[in-house]
Amino acid sequence: MSNPYTYEYKVVTFRESLIGDALDSDKLEKVLNKHAEDGWALKAITSADVKGRIGPGAVEGLLLTFERPRH
């Protein structure tokens, strides 16, 4: 019998634009809604330096932690 309080977690990296300082709220909303459709609930948002696609440096970004009951 599975524990009714067992959850699984998923961490998604959300990078802010390399050009300008504005966070793309429409893009963030789409990411949140996409995961919600699959049963994921947002558990936490953490600001962090995340590895960029170009070069060795990091860029400002967000770590999105999602939670859902394990089936």
C-alpha atoms as a PDB file:
ATOM      1  CA  MET A   1       0.000   0.000   0.000  1.00  0.00           C
ATOM      2  CA  SER A   2       1.431   3.383  -0.928  1.00  0.00           C
ATOM      3  CA  ASN A   3       1.715   6.193   1.564  1.00  0.00           C
ATOM      4  CA  PRO A   4      -0.949   8.855   0.790  1.00  0.00           C
ATOM      5  CA  TYR A   5       1.577  11.553   1.745  1.00  0.00           C
ATOM      6  CA  THR A   6       4.266  10.539  -0.752  1.00  0.00           C
ATOM      7  CA  TYR A   7       5.214  13.255  -3.225  1.00  0.00           C
ATOM      8  CA  GLU A   8       7.564  13.618  -6.133  1.00  0.00           C
ATOM      9  CA  TYR A   9       9.415  16.802  -7.025  1.00  0.00           C
ATOM     10  CA  LYS A  10      10.708  18.456 -10.163  1.00  0.00           C
ATOM     11  CA  VAL A  11      13.115  21.401 -10.404  1.00  0.00           C
ATOM     12  CA  VAL A  12      13.038  23.566 -13.534  1.00  0.00           C
ATOM     13  CA  THR A  13      15.586  26.260 -14.375  1.00  0.00           C
ATOM     14  CA  PHE A  14      14.093  29.505 -15.690  1.00  0.00           C
ATOM     15  CA  ARG A  15      16.708  31.896 -17.120  1.00  0.00           C
ATOM     16  CA  GLU A  16      16.072  35.592 -17.361  1.00  0.00           C
ATOM     17  CA  SER A  17      16.791  37.277 -20.655  1.00  0.00           C
ATOM     18  CA  LEU A  18      20.444  37.971 -21.390  1.00  0.00           C
ATOM     19  CA  ILE A  19      19.375  41.304 -22.851  1.00  0.00           C
ATOM     20  CA  GLY A  20      17.838  43.722 -20.364  1.00  0.00           C
ATOM     21  CA  ASP A  21      16.816  43.166 -16.771  1.00  0.00           C
ATOM     22  CA  ALA A  22      13.111  42.504 -17.223  1.00  0.00           C
ATOM     23  CA  LEU A  23      11.747  39.130 -16.209  1.00  0.00           C
ATOM     24  CA  ASP A  24       9.483  37.750 -18.931  1.00  0.00           C
ATOM     25  CA  SER A  25       6.342  37.195 -16.861  1.00  0.00           C
ATOM     26  CA  ASP A  26       4.351  35.860 -19.838  1.00  0.00           C
ATOM     27  CA  LYS A  27       6.974  33.173 -20.459  1.00  0.00           C
ATOM     28  CA  LEU A  28       7.076  32.306 -16.748  1.00  0.00           C
ATOM     29  CA  GLU A  29       3.275  32.039 -16.672  1.00  0.00           C
ATOM     30  CA  LYS A  30       3.338  29.652 -19.652  1.00  0.00           C
ATOM     31  CA  VAL A  31       5.920  27.437 -17.916  1.00  0.00           C
ATOM     32  CA  LEU A  32       3.830  27.352 -14.712  1.00  0.00           C
ATOM     33  CA  ASN A  33       0.603  26.541 -16.586  1.00  0.00           C
ATOM     34  CA  LYS A  34       2.312  23.850 -18.691  1.00  0.00           C
ATOM     35  CA  HIS A  35       3.454  22.018 -15.562  1.00  0.00           C
ATOM     36  CA  ALA A  36       0.081  22.532 -13.835  1.00  0.00           C
ATOM     37  CA  GLU A  37      -1.607  20.703 -16.731  1.00  0.00           C
ATOM     38  CA  ASP A  38       0.536  17.681 -15.851  1.00  0.00           C
ATOM     39  CA  GLY A  39      -0.516  17.810 -12.188  1.00  0.00           C
ATOM     40  CA  TRP A  40       2.489  19.727 -10.830  1.00  0.00           C
ATOM     41  CA  ALA A  41       1.895  22.417  -8.179  1.00  0.00           C
ATOM     42  CA  LEU A  42       4.444  25.172  -7.635  1.00  0.00           C
ATOM     43  CA  LYS A  43       6.146  24.589  -4.279  1.00  0.00           C
ATOM     44  CA  ALA A  44       8.895  27.246  -4.325  1.00  0.00           C
ATOM     45  CA  ILE A  45      10.661  29.823  -6.471  1.00  0.00           C
ATOM     46  CA  THR A  46      14.318  30.482  -5.692  1.00  0.00           C
ATOM     47  CA  SER A  47      16.485  33.182  -7.235  1.00  0.00           C
ATOM     48  CA  ALA A  48      19.852  31.788  -8.286  1.00  0.00           C
ATOM     49  CA  ASP A  49      22.779  32.179 -10.630  1.00  0.00           C
ATOM     50  CA  VAL A  50      22.244  29.508 -13.267  1.00  0.00           C
ATOM     51  CA  LYS A  51      24.653  28.329 -15.888  1.00  0.00           C
ATOM     52  CA  GLY A  52      24.111  30.104 -19.189  1.00  0.00           C
ATOM     53  CA  ARG A  53      24.128  28.506 -22.600  1.00  0.00           C
ATOM     54  CA  ILE A  54      27.106  30.550 -23.781  1.00  0.00           C
ATOM     55  CA  GLY A  55      30.407  30.838 -21.945  1.00  0.00           C
ATOM     56  CA  PRO A  56      31.502  29.800 -18.472  1.00  0.00           C
ATOM     57  CA  GLY A  57      29.607  32.479 -16.526  1.00  0.00           C
ATOM     58  CA  ALA A  58      26.223  32.283 -14.868  1.00  0.00           C
ATOM     59  CA  VAL A  59      23.140  34.415 -15.437  1.00  0.00           C
ATOM     60  CA  GLU A  60      20.417  35.489 -13.045  1.00  0.00           C
ATOM     61  CA  GLY A  61      17.591  33.016 -13.079  1.00  0.00           C
ATOM     62  CA  LEU A  62      14.991  31.197 -11.085  1.00  0.00           C
ATOM     63  CA  LEU A  63      14.743  27.647  -9.871  1.00  0.00           C
ATOM     64  CA  LEU A  64      11.104  26.538  -9.929  1.00  0.00           C
ATOM     65  CA  THR A  65      10.326  23.618  -7.624  1.00  0.00           C
ATOM     66  CA  PHE A  66       7.142  21.685  -8.364  1.00  0.00           C
ATOM     67  CA  GLU A  67       5.400  19.023  -6.303  1.00  0.00           C
ATOM     68  CA  ARG A  68       2.709  16.451  -7.026  1.00  0.00           C
ATOM     69  CA  PRO A  69       1.376  13.336  -5.335  1.00  0.00           C
ATOM     70  CA  ARG A  70       3.225  10.207  -6.393  1.00  0.00           C
ATOM     71  CA  HIS A  71       1.000   7.715  -8.184  1.00  0.00           C
END
